[in-house]
Amino acid sequence: EIADSFSNGMEFFTTFGGNPVACVAGLAVLQEIEKGNLQKNASETGRYLKRRLIDLADTSKRDRLGRKIGRLIGDIRGSGFFQGIEFVRD
């Protein structure tokens, strides 16, 4: 009987979408991101991460004994902290 009462033509609904508590929580999160300048920090730190990964992938590097370091990283792609690293065996 309860389930049948939901059979009104709507195929999807949510009890969370647009409620005042969820909206206030979302707004507070956005304000903290803005106040802490977190997007800029993530962007800068992500660029640093990518540069360091590219350094690791550099196949022209040698170890402290002068031996060529084998290739471990095939490709690096992404943005910010969202980086994809392809590991290979050469």
Protein backbone atom coordinates (compact mmCIF):
# COMPACT_ATOMS: atom_id res chain seq x y z
CA GLU A 1 0.00 0.00 0.00
CA ILE A 2 2.82 2.45 0.89
CA ALA A 3 4.82 1.59 -2.24
CA ASP A 4 1.73 1.99 -4.40
CA SER A 5 1.28 5.54 -3.10
CA PHE A 6 4.56 6.48 -4.83
CA SER A 7 3.27 5.27 -8.19
CA ASN A 8 2.27 8.71 -9.46
CA GLY A 9 4.13 8.96 -12.78
CA MET A 10 7.39 10.29 -11.35
CA GLU A 11 10.24 7.90 -12.15
CA PHE A 12 12.81 9.51 -9.87
CA PHE A 13 12.75 11.62 -6.76
CA THR A 14 15.08 12.38 -3.89
CA THR A 15 14.44 13.28 -0.30
CA PHE A 16 17.71 15.24 -0.11
CA GLY A 17 17.60 17.47 -3.18
CA GLY A 18 16.90 21.08 -2.33
CA ASN A 19 16.13 20.64 1.34
CA PRO A 20 17.28 23.58 3.49
CA VAL A 21 19.83 21.62 5.55
CA ALA A 22 21.58 20.21 2.46
CA CYS A 23 21.62 23.67 0.86
CA VAL A 24 23.15 25.31 3.96
CA ALA A 25 25.78 22.55 4.21
CA GLY A 26 26.67 22.91 0.53
CA LEU A 27 26.93 26.68 0.83
CA ALA A 28 29.20 26.35 3.88
CA VAL A 29 31.51 24.01 1.96
CA LEU A 30 31.71 26.42 -0.98
CA GLN A 31 32.44 29.33 1.37
CA GLU A 32 35.31 27.42 3.03
CA ILE A 33 36.77 26.51 -0.38
CA GLU A 34 36.68 30.17 -1.37
CA LYS A 35 37.90 31.52 1.99
CA GLY A 36 40.86 29.13 2.09
CA ASN A 37 41.73 29.70 -1.58
CA LEU A 38 41.68 25.91 -1.90
CA GLN A 39 41.20 25.79 -5.69
CA LYS A 40 44.35 27.84 -6.31
CA ASN A 41 46.32 25.77 -3.80
CA ALA A 42 45.19 22.49 -5.41
CA SER A 43 46.06 23.81 -8.86
CA GLU A 44 49.56 24.92 -7.83
CA THR A 45 50.27 21.77 -5.84
CA GLY A 46 48.94 19.63 -8.69
CA ARG A 47 51.33 21.32 -11.15
CA TYR A 48 54.20 20.60 -8.76
CA LEU A 49 53.09 16.96 -8.49
CA LYS A 50 52.96 16.61 -12.27
CA ARG A 51 56.45 18.16 -12.70
CA ARG A 52 57.86 15.72 -10.15
CA LEU A 53 56.16 12.77 -11.87
CA ILE A 54 57.62 13.91 -15.20
CA ASP A 55 61.05 14.01 -13.54
CA LEU A 56 60.54 10.41 -12.42
CA ALA A 57 59.57 9.41 -15.96
CA ASP A 58 62.68 11.00 -17.50
CA THR A 59 64.53 8.06 -19.09
CA SER A 60 67.75 10.04 -19.56
CA LYS A 61 68.42 10.03 -15.82
CA ARG A 62 71.08 7.86 -14.24
CA ASP A 63 71.50 6.51 -10.73
CA ARG A 64 74.32 7.57 -8.43
CA LEU A 65 76.62 4.96 -10.02
CA GLY A 66 75.97 6.34 -13.51
CA ARG A 67 73.75 3.48 -14.65
CA LYS A 68 70.76 4.37 -16.80
CA ILE A 69 67.52 4.12 -14.83
CA GLY A 70 64.97 1.84 -16.49
CA ARG A 71 61.67 3.24 -17.62
CA LEU A 72 58.84 2.73 -15.14
CA ILE A 73 56.36 5.47 -16.12
CA GLY A 74 54.99 5.45 -19.65
CA ASP A 75 52.62 8.41 -19.52
CA ILE A 76 51.29 11.02 -17.12
CA ARG A 77 48.10 12.97 -17.72
CA GLY A 78 45.61 14.85 -15.63
CA SER A 79 44.85 18.09 -13.86
CA GLY A 80 45.43 19.19 -10.27
CA PHE A 81 45.53 16.20 -7.95
CA PHE A 82 43.65 14.08 -10.47
CA GLN A 83 46.63 12.47 -12.23
CA GLY A 84 46.74 9.29 -14.29
CA ILE A 85 50.05 7.45 -14.29
CA GLU A 86 50.74 4.60 -16.71
CA PHE A 87 53.27 2.16 -15.26
CA VAL A 88 55.27 0.09 -17.76
CA ARG A 89 58.06 -2.46 -17.79
CA ASP A 90 60.99 -1.77 -20.09
